[in-house]
Amino acid sequence: MDATAFAPTEMKTFLLYVATALAEIVGCYLPYLWLKQDRPAWLLLPGALSLAVFAWLLTLHETAAGRVYAAYGGVYICVALAWLWAVDRVRPTPWDVAGVLVALCGMGLIMFQPRA
């Protein structure tokens, strides 16, 4: 079978991880704003909703939960550094980028290994 036949499934898996990471980051960032930057307490409500969406998104993967959580970590690192750049306006260093590449390689090894 051609290796490109798996590309749509792999992209869907990766994008699902990105959505999951964004839900987790938003769910943690909104309470952070309330606690550290004196923003309104109502931010806790969308934060809690975002964390509930995060947990639900983790259930949409078709492999064992432990494998999902392990591979998710690699994508989370990537999205967190993108958030650092886009939201916090802190440009990632070359070391950050290297770390992301290593983490994404690990994610790929875990999620896209040959299955019997």
PDB file of N, CA and C in Angstrom:
ATOM      1  N   MET A   1       0.845  -1.184   0.000  1.00  0.00           N
ATOM      2  CA  MET A   1       0.000   0.000   0.000  1.00  0.00           C
ATOM      3  C   MET A   1       0.887   1.242   0.000  1.00  0.00           C
ATOM      4  N   ASP A   2       0.490   2.237  -0.719  1.00  0.00           N
ATOM      5  CA  ASP A   2       1.211   3.496  -0.850  1.00  0.00           C
ATOM      6  C   ASP A   2       1.212   4.252   0.490  1.00  0.00           C
ATOM      7  N   ALA A   3       2.362   4.802   0.874  1.00  0.00           N
ATOM      8  CA  ALA A   3       2.477   5.536   2.141  1.00  0.00           C
ATOM      9  C   ALA A   3       1.597   6.778   2.167  1.00  0.00           C
ATOM     10  N   THR A   4       1.311   7.374   1.021  1.00  0.00           N
ATOM     11  CA  THR A   4       0.474   8.577   0.996  1.00  0.00           C
ATOM     12  C   THR A   4      -0.990   8.273   1.288  1.00  0.00           C
ATOM     13  N   ALA A   5      -1.376   7.006   1.265  1.00  0.00           N
ATOM     14  CA  ALA A   5      -2.759   6.647   1.565  1.00  0.00           C
ATOM     15  C   ALA A   5      -3.117   6.973   3.008  1.00  0.00           C
ATOM     16  N   PHE A   6      -2.135   7.080   3.877  1.00  0.00           N
ATOM     17  CA  PHE A   6      -2.381   7.375   5.282  1.00  0.00           C
ATOM     18  C   PHE A   6      -2.376   8.869   5.580  1.00  0.00           C
ATOM     19  N   ALA A   7      -2.003   9.684   4.636  1.00  0.00           N
ATOM     20  CA  ALA A   7      -1.859  11.118   4.884  1.00  0.00           C
ATOM     21  C   ALA A   7      -3.131  11.776   5.421  1.00  0.00           C
ATOM     22  N   PRO A   8      -4.328  11.534   4.864  1.00  0.00           N
ATOM     23  CA  PRO A   8      -5.526  12.184   5.420  1.00  0.00           C
ATOM     24  C   PRO A   8      -5.787  11.782   6.871  1.00  0.00           C
ATOM     25  N   THR A   9      -5.598  10.514   7.201  1.00  0.00           N
ATOM     26  CA  THR A   9      -5.805  10.063   8.574  1.00  0.00           C
ATOM     27  C   THR A   9      -4.790  10.696   9.507  1.00  0.00           C
ATOM     28  N   GLU A  10      -3.550  10.752   9.099  1.00  0.00           N
ATOM     29  CA  GLU A  10      -2.512  11.354   9.928  1.00  0.00           C
ATOM     30  C   GLU A  10      -2.772  12.837  10.140  1.00  0.00           C
ATOM     31  N   MET A  11      -3.201  13.540   9.095  1.00  0.00           N
ATOM     32  CA  MET A  11      -3.501  14.963   9.224  1.00  0.00           C
ATOM     33  C   MET A  11      -4.693  15.177  10.143  1.00  0.00           C
ATOM     34  N   LYS A  12      -5.712  14.329  10.020  1.00  0.00           N
ATOM     35  CA  LYS A  12      -6.878  14.434  10.897  1.00  0.00           C
ATOM     36  C   LYS A  12      -6.459  14.228  12.357  1.00  0.00           C
ATOM     37  N   THR A  13      -5.619  13.233  12.604  1.00  0.00           N
ATOM     38  CA  THR A  13      -5.134  12.980  13.959  1.00  0.00           C
ATOM     39  C   THR A  13      -4.363  14.176  14.495  1.00  0.00           C
ATOM     40  N   PHE A  14      -3.455  14.715  13.675  1.00  0.00           N
ATOM     41  CA  PHE A  14      -2.659  15.866  14.105  1.00  0.00           C
ATOM     42  C   PHE A  14      -3.549  17.074  14.391  1.00  0.00           C
ATOM     43  N   LEU A  15      -4.509  17.358  13.513  1.00  0.00           N
ATOM     44  CA  LEU A  15      -5.389  18.515  13.716  1.00  0.00           C
ATOM     45  C   LEU A  15      -6.283  18.337  14.944  1.00  0.00           C
ATOM     46  N   LEU A  16      -6.693  17.106  15.206  1.00  0.00           N
ATOM     47  CA  LEU A  16      -7.463  16.840  16.415  1.00  0.00           C
ATOM     48  C   LEU A  16      -6.619  17.118  17.655  1.00  0.00           C
ATOM     49  N   TYR A  17      -5.345  16.744  17.615  1.00  0.00           N
ATOM     50  CA  TYR A  17      -4.438  17.063  18.722  1.00  0.00           C
ATOM     51  C   TYR A  17      -4.267  18.573  18.877  1.00  0.00           C
ATOM     52  N   VAL A  18      -4.174  19.299  17.770  1.00  0.00           N
ATOM     53  CA  VAL A  18      -4.031  20.760  17.849  1.00  0.00           C
ATOM     54  C   VAL A  18      -5.263  21.370  18.512  1.00  0.00           C
ATOM     55  N   ALA A  19      -6.446  20.937  18.101  1.00  0.00           N
ATOM     56  CA  ALA A  19      -7.680  21.443  18.714  1.00  0.00           C
ATOM     57  C   ALA A  19      -7.719  21.104  20.205  1.00  0.00           C
ATOM     58  N   THR A  20      -7.283  19.907  20.556  1.00  0.00           N
ATOM     59  CA  THR A  20      -7.238  19.484  21.951  1.00  0.00           C
ATOM     60  C   THR A  20      -6.296  20.373  22.752  1.00  0.00           C
ATOM     61  N   ALA A  21      -5.125  20.645  22.199  1.00  0.00           N
ATOM     62  CA  ALA A  21      -4.146  21.496  22.883  1.00  0.00           C
ATOM     63  C   ALA A  21      -4.681  22.913  23.057  1.00  0.00           C
ATOM     64  N   LEU A  22      -5.313  23.452  22.041  1.00  0.00           N
ATOM     65  CA  LEU A  22      -5.872  24.804  22.165  1.00  0.00           C
ATOM     66  C   LEU A  22      -6.942  24.861  23.251  1.00  0.00           C
ATOM     67  N   ALA A  23      -7.783  23.840  23.314  1.00  0.00           N
ATOM     68  CA  ALA A  23      -8.810  23.805  24.357  1.00  0.00           C
ATOM     69  C   ALA A  23      -8.175  23.768  25.741  1.00  0.00           C
ATOM     70  N   GLU A  24      -7.116  22.991  25.907  1.00  0.00           N
ATOM     71  CA  GLU A  24      -6.452  22.929  27.211  1.00  0.00           C
ATOM     72  C   GLU A  24      -5.771  24.250  27.553  1.00  0.00           C
ATOM     73  N   ILE A  25      -5.090  24.830  26.591  1.00  0.00           N
ATOM     74  CA  ILE A  25      -4.373  26.082  26.853  1.00  0.00           C
ATOM     75  C   ILE A  25      -5.349  27.203  27.202  1.00  0.00           C
ATOM     76  N   VAL A  26      -6.429  27.325  26.440  1.00  0.00           N
ATOM     77  CA  VAL A  26      -7.429  28.355  26.748  1.00  0.00           C
ATOM     78  C   VAL A  26      -8.030  28.104  28.130  1.00  0.00           C
ATOM     79  N   GLY A  27      -8.310  26.833  28.431  1.00  0.00           N
ATOM     80  CA  GLY A  27      -8.883  26.481  29.728  1.00  0.00           C
ATOM     81  C   GLY A  27      -7.981  26.795  30.900  1.00  0.00           C
ATOM     82  N   CYS A  28      -6.699  26.842  30.678  1.00  0.00           N
ATOM     83  CA  CYS A  28      -5.752  27.202  31.736  1.00  0.00           C
ATOM     84  C   CYS A  28      -5.388  28.686  31.691  1.00  0.00           C
ATOM     85  N   TYR A  29      -5.396  29.264  30.513  1.00  0.00           N
ATOM     86  CA  TYR A  29      -4.996  30.667  30.357  1.00  0.00           C
ATOM     87  C   TYR A  29      -6.024  31.625  30.957  1.00  0.00           C
ATOM     88  N   LEU A  30      -7.299  31.323  30.798  1.00  0.00           N
ATOM     89  CA  LEU A  30      -8.326  32.225  31.328  1.00  0.00           C
ATOM     90  C   LEU A  30      -8.286  32.324  32.852  1.00  0.00           C
ATOM     91  N   PRO A  31      -8.172  31.219  33.596  1.00  0.00           N
ATOM     92  CA  PRO A  31      -7.987  31.365  35.049  1.00  0.00           C
ATOM     93  C   PRO A  31      -6.676  32.080  35.404  1.00  0.00           C
ATOM     94  N   TYR A  32      -5.636  31.864  34.610  1.00  0.00           N
ATOM     95  CA  TYR A  32      -4.371  32.578  34.822  1.00  0.00           C
ATOM     96  C   TYR A  32      -4.597  34.088  34.738  1.00  0.00           C
ATOM     97  N   LEU A  33      -5.360  34.520  33.729  1.00  0.00           N
ATOM     98  CA  LEU A  33      -5.637  35.953  33.601  1.00  0.00           C
ATOM     99  C   LEU A  33      -6.362  36.483  34.829  1.00  0.00           C
ATOM    100  N   TRP A  34      -7.302  35.706  35.345  1.00  0.00           N
ATOM    101  CA  TRP A  34      -8.053  36.111  36.540  1.00  0.00           C
ATOM    102  C   TRP A  34      -7.137  36.179  37.764  1.00  0.00           C
ATOM    103  N   LEU A  35      -6.297  35.158  37.923  1.00  0.00           N
ATOM    104  CA  LEU A  35      -5.438  35.092  39.108  1.00  0.00           C
ATOM    105  C   LEU A  35      -4.263  36.063  39.066  1.00  0.00           C
ATOM    106  N   LYS A  36      -3.641  36.219  37.916  1.00  0.00           N
ATOM    107  CA  LYS A  36      -2.392  36.978  37.831  1.00  0.00           C
ATOM    108  C   LYS A  36      -2.531  38.383  37.266  1.00  0.00           C
ATOM    109  N   GLN A  37      -3.612  38.636  36.505  1.00  0.00           N
ATOM    110  CA  GLN A  37      -3.728  39.939  35.862  1.00  0.00           C
ATOM    111  C   GLN A  37      -5.018  40.665  36.243  1.00  0.00           C
ATOM    112  N   ASP A  38      -5.625  40.249  37.333  1.00  0.00           N
ATOM    113  CA  ASP A  38      -6.835  40.903  37.855  1.00  0.00           C
ATOM    114  C   ASP A  38      -7.942  41.069  36.818  1.00  0.00           C
ATOM    115  N   ARG A  39      -8.109  40.074  35.979  1.00  0.00           N
ATOM    116  CA  ARG A  39      -9.211  40.085  35.015  1.00  0.00           C
ATOM    117  C   ARG A  39     -10.474  39.595  35.716  1.00  0.00           C
ATOM    118  N   PRO A  40     -11.646  39.785  35.113  1.00  0.00           N
ATOM    119  CA  PRO A  40     -12.904  39.430  35.787  1.00  0.00           C
ATOM    120  C   PRO A  40     -13.049  37.922  36.040  1.00  0.00           C
ATOM    121  N   ALA A  41     -13.728  37.607  37.135  1.00  0.00           N
ATOM    122  CA  ALA A  41     -13.927  36.212  37.537  1.00  0.00           C
ATOM    123  C   ALA A  41     -14.787  35.434  36.552  1.00  0.00           C
ATOM    124  N   TRP A  42     -15.608  36.105  35.753  1.00  0.00           N
ATOM    125  CA  TRP A  42     -16.450  35.385  34.799  1.00  0.00           C
ATOM    126  C   TRP A  42     -15.613  34.614  33.779  1.00  0.00           C
ATOM    127  N   LEU A  43     -14.318  34.960  33.654  1.00  0.00           N
ATOM    128  CA  LEU A  43     -13.441  34.207  32.744  1.00  0.00           C
ATOM    129  C   LEU A  43     -13.296  32.743  33.160  1.00  0.00           C
ATOM    130  N   LEU A  44     -13.618  32.462  34.425  1.00  0.00           N
ATOM    131  CA  LEU A  44     -13.536  31.077  34.894  1.00  0.00           C
ATOM    132  C   LEU A  44     -14.566  30.187  34.191  1.00  0.00           C
ATOM    133  N   LEU A  45     -15.698  30.742  33.816  1.00  0.00           N
ATOM    134  CA  LEU A  45     -16.738  29.936  33.161  1.00  0.00           C
ATOM    135  C   LEU A  45     -16.306  29.447  31.779  1.00  0.00           C
ATOM    136  N   PRO A  46     -15.877  30.329  30.875  1.00  0.00           N
ATOM    137  CA  PRO A  46     -15.403  29.789  29.594  1.00  0.00           C
ATOM    138  C   PRO A  46     -14.139  28.941  29.763  1.00  0.00           C
ATOM    139  N   GLY A  47     -13.352  29.236  30.793  1.00  0.00           N
ATOM    140  CA  GLY A  47     -12.172  28.407  31.064  1.00  0.00           C
ATOM    141  C   GLY A  47     -12.576  26.983  31.417  1.00  0.00           C
ATOM    142  N   ALA A  48     -13.579  26.848  32.285  1.00  0.00           N
ATOM    143  CA  ALA A  48     -14.064  25.520  32.665  1.00  0.00           C
ATOM    144  C   ALA A  48     -14.683  24.797  31.468  1.00  0.00           C
ATOM    145  N   LEU A  49     -15.429  25.522  30.650  1.00  0.00           N
ATOM    146  CA  LEU A  49     -16.014  24.930  29.452  1.00  0.00           C
ATOM    147  C   LEU A  49     -14.927  24.446  28.502  1.00  0.00           C
ATOM    148  N   SER A  50     -13.889  25.235  28.351  1.00  0.00           N
ATOM    149  CA  SER A  50     -12.784  24.862  27.474  1.00  0.00           C
ATOM    150  C   SER A  50     -12.088  23.593  27.972  1.00  0.00           C
ATOM    151  N   LEU A  51     -11.928  23.462  29.280  1.00  0.00           N
ATOM    152  CA  LEU A  51     -11.319  22.244  29.821  1.00  0.00           C
ATOM    153  C   LEU A  51     -12.229  21.034  29.632  1.00  0.00           C
ATOM    154  N   ALA A  52     -13.532  21.239  29.694  1.00  0.00           N
ATOM    155  CA  ALA A  52     -14.459  20.132  29.420  1.00  0.00           C
ATOM    156  C   ALA A  52     -14.353  19.707  27.954  1.00  0.00           C
ATOM    157  N   VAL A  53     -14.233  20.667  27.048  1.00  0.00           N
ATOM    158  CA  VAL A  53     -14.058  20.361  25.623  1.00  0.00           C
ATOM    159  C   VAL A  53     -12.740  19.619  25.419  1.00  0.00           C
ATOM    160  N   PHE A  54     -11.696  20.045  26.124  1.00  0.00           N
ATOM    161  CA  PHE A  54     -10.396  19.377  26.066  1.00  0.00           C
ATOM    162  C   PHE A  54     -10.533  17.892  26.418  1.00  0.00           C
ATOM    163  N   ALA A  55     -11.208  17.598  27.524  1.00  0.00           N
ATOM    164  CA  ALA A  55     -11.369  16.203  27.945  1.00  0.00           C
ATOM    165  C   ALA A  55     -12.179  15.415  26.915  1.00  0.00           C
ATOM    166  N   TRP A  56     -13.218  16.020  26.370  1.00  0.00           N
ATOM    167  CA  TRP A  56     -14.034  15.358  25.355  1.00  0.00           C
ATOM    168  C   TRP A  56     -13.225  15.078  24.097  1.00  0.00           C
ATOM    169  N   LEU A  57     -12.429  16.047  23.656  1.00  0.00           N
ATOM    170  CA  LEU A  57     -11.623  15.856  22.451  1.00  0.00           C
ATOM    171  C   LEU A  57     -10.649  14.688  22.600  1.00  0.00           C
ATOM    172  N   LEU A  58     -10.119  14.489  23.794  1.00  0.00           N
ATOM    173  CA  LEU A  58      -9.208  13.358  24.005  1.00  0.00           C
ATOM    174  C   LEU A  58      -9.899  12.022  23.774  1.00  0.00           C
ATOM    175  N   THR A  59     -11.203  11.978  23.956  1.00  0.00           N
ATOM    176  CA  THR A  59     -11.931  10.713  23.773  1.00  0.00           C
ATOM    177  C   THR A  59     -12.185  10.388  22.303  1.00  0.00           C
ATOM    178  N   LEU A  60     -11.942  11.320  21.403  1.00  0.00           N
ATOM    179  CA  LEU A  60     -12.247  11.106  19.982  1.00  0.00           C
ATOM    180  C   LEU A  60     -11.165  10.329  19.241  1.00  0.00           C
ATOM    181  N   HIS A  61     -10.035  10.102  19.885  1.00  0.00           N
ATOM    182  CA  HIS A  61      -8.967   9.347  19.244  1.00  0.00           C
ATOM    183  C   HIS A  61      -9.298   7.859  19.301  1.00  0.00           C
ATOM    184  N   GLU A  62      -8.860   7.137  18.276  1.00  0.00           N
ATOM    185  CA  GLU A  62      -9.254   5.734  18.146  1.00  0.00           C
ATOM    186  C   GLU A  62      -8.254   4.745  18.723  1.00  0.00           C
ATOM    187  N   THR A  63      -7.272   5.201  19.439  1.00  0.00           N
ATOM    188  CA  THR A  63      -6.276   4.293  19.998  1.00  0.00           C
ATOM    189  C   THR A  63      -6.352   4.319  21.521  1.00  0.00           C
ATOM    190  N   ALA A  64      -5.556   3.496  22.170  1.00  0.00           N
ATOM    191  CA  ALA A  64      -5.570   3.376  23.633  1.00  0.00           C
ATOM    192  C   ALA A  64      -5.290   4.730  24.292  1.00  0.00           C
ATOM    193  N   ALA A  65      -5.972   5.000  25.380  1.00  0.00           N
ATOM    194  CA  ALA A  65      -5.871   6.296  26.056  1.00  0.00           C
ATOM    195  C   ALA A  65      -4.435   6.649  26.428  1.00  0.00           C
ATOM    196  N   GLY A  66      -3.683   5.699  26.946  1.00  0.00           N
ATOM    197  CA  GLY A  66      -2.295   5.992  27.336  1.00  0.00           C
ATOM    198  C   GLY A  66      -1.446   6.440  26.157  1.00  0.00           C
ATOM    199  N   ARG A  67      -1.655   5.809  25.019  1.00  0.00           N
ATOM    200  CA  ARG A  67      -0.917   6.199  23.806  1.00  0.00           C
ATOM    201  C   ARG A  67      -1.352   7.587  23.354  1.00  0.00           C
ATOM    202  N   VAL A  68      -2.638   7.863  23.438  1.00  0.00           N
ATOM    203  CA  VAL A  68      -3.146   9.190  23.070  1.00  0.00           C
ATOM    204  C   VAL A  68      -2.512  10.255  23.945  1.00  0.00           C
ATOM    205  N   TYR A  69      -2.492  10.032  25.256  1.00  0.00           N
ATOM    206  CA  TYR A  69      -1.933  11.031  26.176  1.00  0.00           C
ATOM    207  C   TYR A  69      -0.444  11.236  25.926  1.00  0.00           C
ATOM    208  N   ALA A  70       0.271  10.151  25.679  1.00  0.00           N
ATOM    209  CA  ALA A  70       1.712  10.253  25.441  1.00  0.00           C
ATOM    210  C   ALA A  70       2.003  11.042  24.174  1.00  0.00           C
ATOM    211  N   ALA A  71       1.307  10.728  23.108  1.00  0.00           N
ATOM    212  CA  ALA A  71       1.548  11.430  21.841  1.00  0.00           C
ATOM    213  C   ALA A  71       1.047  12.864  21.900  1.00  0.00           C
ATOM    214  N   TYR A  72      -0.032  13.096  22.614  1.00  0.00           N
ATOM    215  CA  TYR A  72      -0.595  14.440  22.749  1.00  0.00           C
ATOM    216  C   TYR A  72       0.444  15.415  23.293  1.00  0.00           C
ATOM    217  N   GLY A  73       1.280  14.952  24.183  1.00  0.00           N
ATOM    218  CA  GLY A  73       2.293  15.826  24.777  1.00  0.00           C
ATOM    219  C   GLY A  73       3.165  16.514  23.742  1.00  0.00           C
ATOM    220  N   GLY A  74       3.522  15.811  22.684  1.00  0.00           N
ATOM    221  CA  GLY A  74       4.358  16.400  21.646  1.00  0.00           C
ATOM    222  C   GLY A  74       3.665  17.537  20.918  1.00  0.00           C
ATOM    223  N   VAL A  75       2.405  17.340  20.599  1.00  0.00           N
ATOM    224  CA  VAL A  75       1.649  18.389  19.909  1.00  0.00           C
ATOM    225  C   VAL A  75       1.395  19.551  20.863  1.00  0.00           C
ATOM    226  N   TYR A  76       1.125  19.241  22.134  1.00  0.00           N
ATOM    227  CA  TYR A  76       0.895  20.297  23.124  1.00  0.00           C
ATOM    228  C   TYR A  76       2.101  21.241  23.189  1.00  0.00           C
ATOM    229  N   ILE A  77       3.301  20.685  23.181  1.00  0.00           N
ATOM    230  CA  ILE A  77       4.507  21.512  23.225  1.00  0.00           C
ATOM    231  C   ILE A  77       4.542  22.458  22.035  1.00  0.00           C
ATOM    232  N   CYS A  78       4.232  21.959  20.871  1.00  0.00           N
ATOM    233  CA  CYS A  78       4.212  22.773  19.652  1.00  0.00           C
ATOM    234  C   CYS A  78       3.186  23.899  19.761  1.00  0.00           C
ATOM    235  N   VAL A  79       1.970  23.565  20.153  1.00  0.00           N
ATOM    236  CA  VAL A  79       0.901  24.564  20.242  1.00  0.00           C
ATOM    237  C   VAL A  79       1.207  25.570  21.353  1.00  0.00           C
ATOM    238  N   ALA A  80       1.770  25.114  22.463  1.00  0.00           N
ATOM    239  CA  ALA A  80       2.103  26.028  23.555  1.00  0.00           C
ATOM    240  C   ALA A  80       3.137  27.067  23.112  1.00  0.00           C
ATOM    241  N   LEU A  81       4.114  26.652  22.335  1.00  0.00           N
ATOM    242  CA  LEU A  81       5.102  27.618  21.849  1.00  0.00           C
ATOM    243  C   LEU A  81       4.510  28.542  20.792  1.00  0.00           C
ATOM    244  N   ALA A  82       3.585  28.055  19.993  1.00  0.00           N
ATOM    245  CA  ALA A  82       2.880  28.933  19.057  1.00  0.00           C
ATOM    246  C   ALA A  82       2.047  29.963  19.829  1.00  0.00           C
ATOM    247  N   TRP A  83       1.431  29.531  20.921  1.00  0.00           N
ATOM    248  CA  TRP A  83       0.665  30.425  21.794  1.00  0.00           C
ATOM    249  C   TRP A  83       1.601  31.473  22.397  1.00  0.00           C
ATOM    250  N   LEU A  84       2.759  31.045  22.851  1.00  0.00           N
ATOM    251  CA  LEU A  84       3.758  31.962  23.414  1.00  0.00           C
ATOM    252  C   LEU A  84       4.054  33.090  22.431  1.00  0.00           C
ATOM    253  N   TRP A  85       4.206  32.722  21.177  1.00  0.00           N
ATOM    254  CA  TRP A  85       4.535  33.701  20.139  1.00  0.00           C
ATOM    255  C   TRP A  85       3.322  34.572  19.780  1.00  0.00           C
ATOM    256  N   ALA A  86       2.171  33.938  19.548  1.00  0.00           N
ATOM    257  CA  ALA A  86       0.996  34.663  19.064  1.00  0.00           C
ATOM    258  C   ALA A  86       0.296  35.489  20.145  1.00  0.00           C
ATOM    259  N   VAL A  87       0.194  34.953  21.343  1.00  0.00           N
ATOM    260  CA  VAL A  87      -0.580  35.613  22.396  1.00  0.00           C
ATOM    261  C   VAL A  87       0.316  36.407  23.340  1.00  0.00           C
ATOM    262  N   ASP A  88       1.389  35.772  23.805  1.00  0.00           N
ATOM    263  CA  ASP A  88       2.283  36.450  24.757  1.00  0.00           C
ATOM    264  C   ASP A  88       3.314  37.337  24.072  1.00  0.00           C
ATOM    265  N   ARG A  89       3.399  37.235  22.750  1.00  0.00           N
ATOM    266  CA  ARG A  89       4.330  38.046  21.953  1.00  0.00           C
ATOM    267  C   ARG A  89       5.792  37.811  22.336  1.00  0.00           C
ATOM    268  N   VAL A  90       6.107  36.564  22.660  1.00  0.00           N
ATOM    269  CA  VAL A  90       7.482  36.159  22.957  1.00  0.00           C
ATOM    270  C   VAL A  90       7.920  35.219  21.849  1.00  0.00           C
ATOM    271  N   ARG A  91       8.926  35.610  21.115  1.00  0.00           N
ATOM    272  CA  ARG A  91       9.395  34.806  19.990  1.00  0.00           C
ATOM    273  C   ARG A  91      10.167  33.591  20.503  1.00  0.00           C
ATOM    274  N   PRO A  92       9.794  32.384  20.063  1.00  0.00           N
ATOM    275  CA  PRO A  92      10.536  31.184  20.485  1.00  0.00           C
ATOM    276  C   PRO A  92      11.989  31.241  19.996  1.00  0.00           C
ATOM    277  N   THR A  93      12.860  30.672  20.791  1.00  0.00           N
ATOM    278  CA  THR A  93      14.278  30.616  20.443  1.00  0.00           C
ATOM    279  C   THR A  93      14.527  29.429  19.516  1.00  0.00           C
ATOM    280  N   PRO A  94      15.692  29.393  18.882  1.00  0.00           N
ATOM    281  CA  PRO A  94      16.025  28.192  18.093  1.00  0.00           C
ATOM    282  C   PRO A  94      15.993  26.923  18.940  1.00  0.00           C
ATOM    283  N   TRP A  95      16.333  27.027  20.207  1.00  0.00           N
ATOM    284  CA  TRP A  95      16.268  25.862  21.097  1.00  0.00           C
ATOM    285  C   TRP A  95      14.818  25.417  21.296  1.00  0.00           C
ATOM    286  N   ASP A  96      13.911  26.376  21.405  1.00  0.00           N
ATOM    287  CA  ASP A  96      12.482  26.043  21.502  1.00  0.00           C
ATOM    288  C   ASP A  96      12.028  25.282  20.262  1.00  0.00           C
ATOM    289  N   VAL A  97      12.411  25.785  19.098  1.00  0.00           N
ATOM    290  CA  VAL A  97      12.017  25.149  17.836  1.00  0.00           C
ATOM    291  C   VAL A  97      12.598  23.740  17.740  1.00  0.00           C
ATOM    292  N   ALA A  98      13.856  23.584  18.139  1.00  0.00           N
ATOM    293  CA  ALA A  98      14.473  22.255  18.131  1.00  0.00           C
ATOM    294  C   ALA A  98      13.712  21.304  19.068  1.00  0.00           C
ATOM    295  N   GLY A  99      13.324  21.801  20.227  1.00  0.00           N
ATOM    296  CA  GLY A  99      12.555  20.982  21.163  1.00  0.00           C
ATOM    297  C   GLY A  99      11.212  20.565  20.596  1.00  0.00           C
ATOM    298  N   VAL A 100      10.559  21.485  19.890  1.00  0.00           N
ATOM    299  CA  VAL A 100       9.286  21.165  19.249  1.00  0.00           C
ATOM    300  C   VAL A 100       9.476  20.071  18.209  1.00  0.00           C
ATOM    301  N   LEU A 101      10.520  20.186  17.402  1.00  0.00           N
ATOM    302  CA  LEU A 101      10.756  19.174  16.363  1.00  0.00           C
ATOM    303  C   LEU A 101      10.994  17.797  16.979  1.00  0.00           C
ATOM    304  N   VAL A 102      11.767  17.748  18.053  1.00  0.00           N
ATOM    305  CA  VAL A 102      12.006  16.472  18.742  1.00  0.00           C
ATOM    306  C   VAL A 102      10.694  15.918  19.294  1.00  0.00           C
ATOM    307  N   ALA A 103       9.897  16.786  19.919  1.00  0.00           N
ATOM    308  CA  ALA A 103       8.624  16.343  20.498  1.00  0.00           C
ATOM    309  C   ALA A 103       7.673  15.835  19.418  1.00  0.00           C
ATOM    310  N   LEU A 104       7.624  16.537  18.276  1.00  0.00           N
ATOM    311  CA  LEU A 104       6.744  16.090  17.194  1.00  0.00           C
ATOM    312  C   LEU A 104       7.220  14.776  16.575  1.00  0.00           C
ATOM    313  N   CYS A 105       8.523  14.575  16.521  1.00  0.00           N
ATOM    314  CA  CYS A 105       9.033  13.277  16.054  1.00  0.00           C
ATOM    315  C   CYS A 105       8.589  12.171  17.000  1.00  0.00           C
ATOM    316  N   GLY A 106       8.661  12.427  18.300  1.00  0.00           N
ATOM    317  CA  GLY A 106       8.190  11.453  19.278  1.00  0.00           C
ATOM    318  C   GLY A 106       6.706  11.171  19.137  1.00  0.00           C
ATOM    319  N   MET A 107       5.923  12.220  18.921  1.00  0.00           N
ATOM    320  CA  MET A 107       4.485  12.055  18.712  1.00  0.00           C
ATOM    321  C   MET A 107       4.230  11.172  17.501  1.00  0.00           C
ATOM    322  N   GLY A 108       4.957  11.437  16.413  1.00  0.00           N
ATOM    323  CA  GLY A 108       4.779  10.647  15.199  1.00  0.00           C
ATOM    324  C   GLY A 108       5.134   9.188  15.397  1.00  0.00           C
ATOM    325  N   LEU A 109       6.217   8.930  16.113  1.00  0.00           N
ATOM    326  CA  LEU A 109       6.609   7.544  16.381  1.00  0.00           C
ATOM    327  C   LEU A 109       5.540   6.812  17.185  1.00  0.00           C
ATOM    328  N   ILE A 110       4.965   7.496  18.158  1.00  0.00           N
ATOM    329  CA  ILE A 110       3.972   6.861  19.006  1.00  0.00           C
ATOM    330  C   ILE A 110       2.657   6.626  18.259  1.00  0.00           C
ATOM    331  N   MET A 111       2.174   7.638  17.558  1.00  0.00           N
ATOM    332  CA  MET A 111       0.834   7.553  16.952  1.00  0.00           C
ATOM    333  C   MET A 111       0.801   6.812  15.627  1.00  0.00           C
ATOM    334  N   PHE A 112       1.875   6.877  14.864  1.00  0.00           N
ATOM    335  CA  PHE A 112       1.814   6.340  13.506  1.00  0.00           C
ATOM    336  C   PHE A 112       2.688   5.098  13.318  1.00  0.00           C
ATOM    337  N   GLN A 113       2.961   4.404  14.418  1.00  0.00           N
ATOM    338  CA  GLN A 113       3.725   3.165  14.331  1.00  0.00           C
ATOM    339  C   GLN A 113       2.914   2.099  13.581  1.00  0.00           C
ATOM    340  N   PRO A 114       3.597   1.156  12.961  1.00  0.00           N
ATOM    341  CA  PRO A 114       2.865   0.065  12.306  1.00  0.00           C
ATOM    342  C   PRO A 114       2.060  -0.734  13.336  1.00  0.00           C
ATOM    343  N   ARG A 115       0.861  -1.049  12.983  1.00  0.00           N
ATOM    344  CA  ARG A 115      -0.012  -1.815  13.890  1.00  0.00           C
ATOM    345  C   ARG A 115      -0.313  -3.167  13.253  1.00  0.00           C
ATOM    346  N   ALA A 116      -0.272  -4.178  14.080  1.00  0.00           N
ATOM    347  CA  ALA A 116      -0.548  -5.540  13.598  1.00  0.00           C
ATOM    348  C   ALA A 116      -2.015  -5.859  13.682  1.00  0.00           C
TER     349      ALA A 116
END
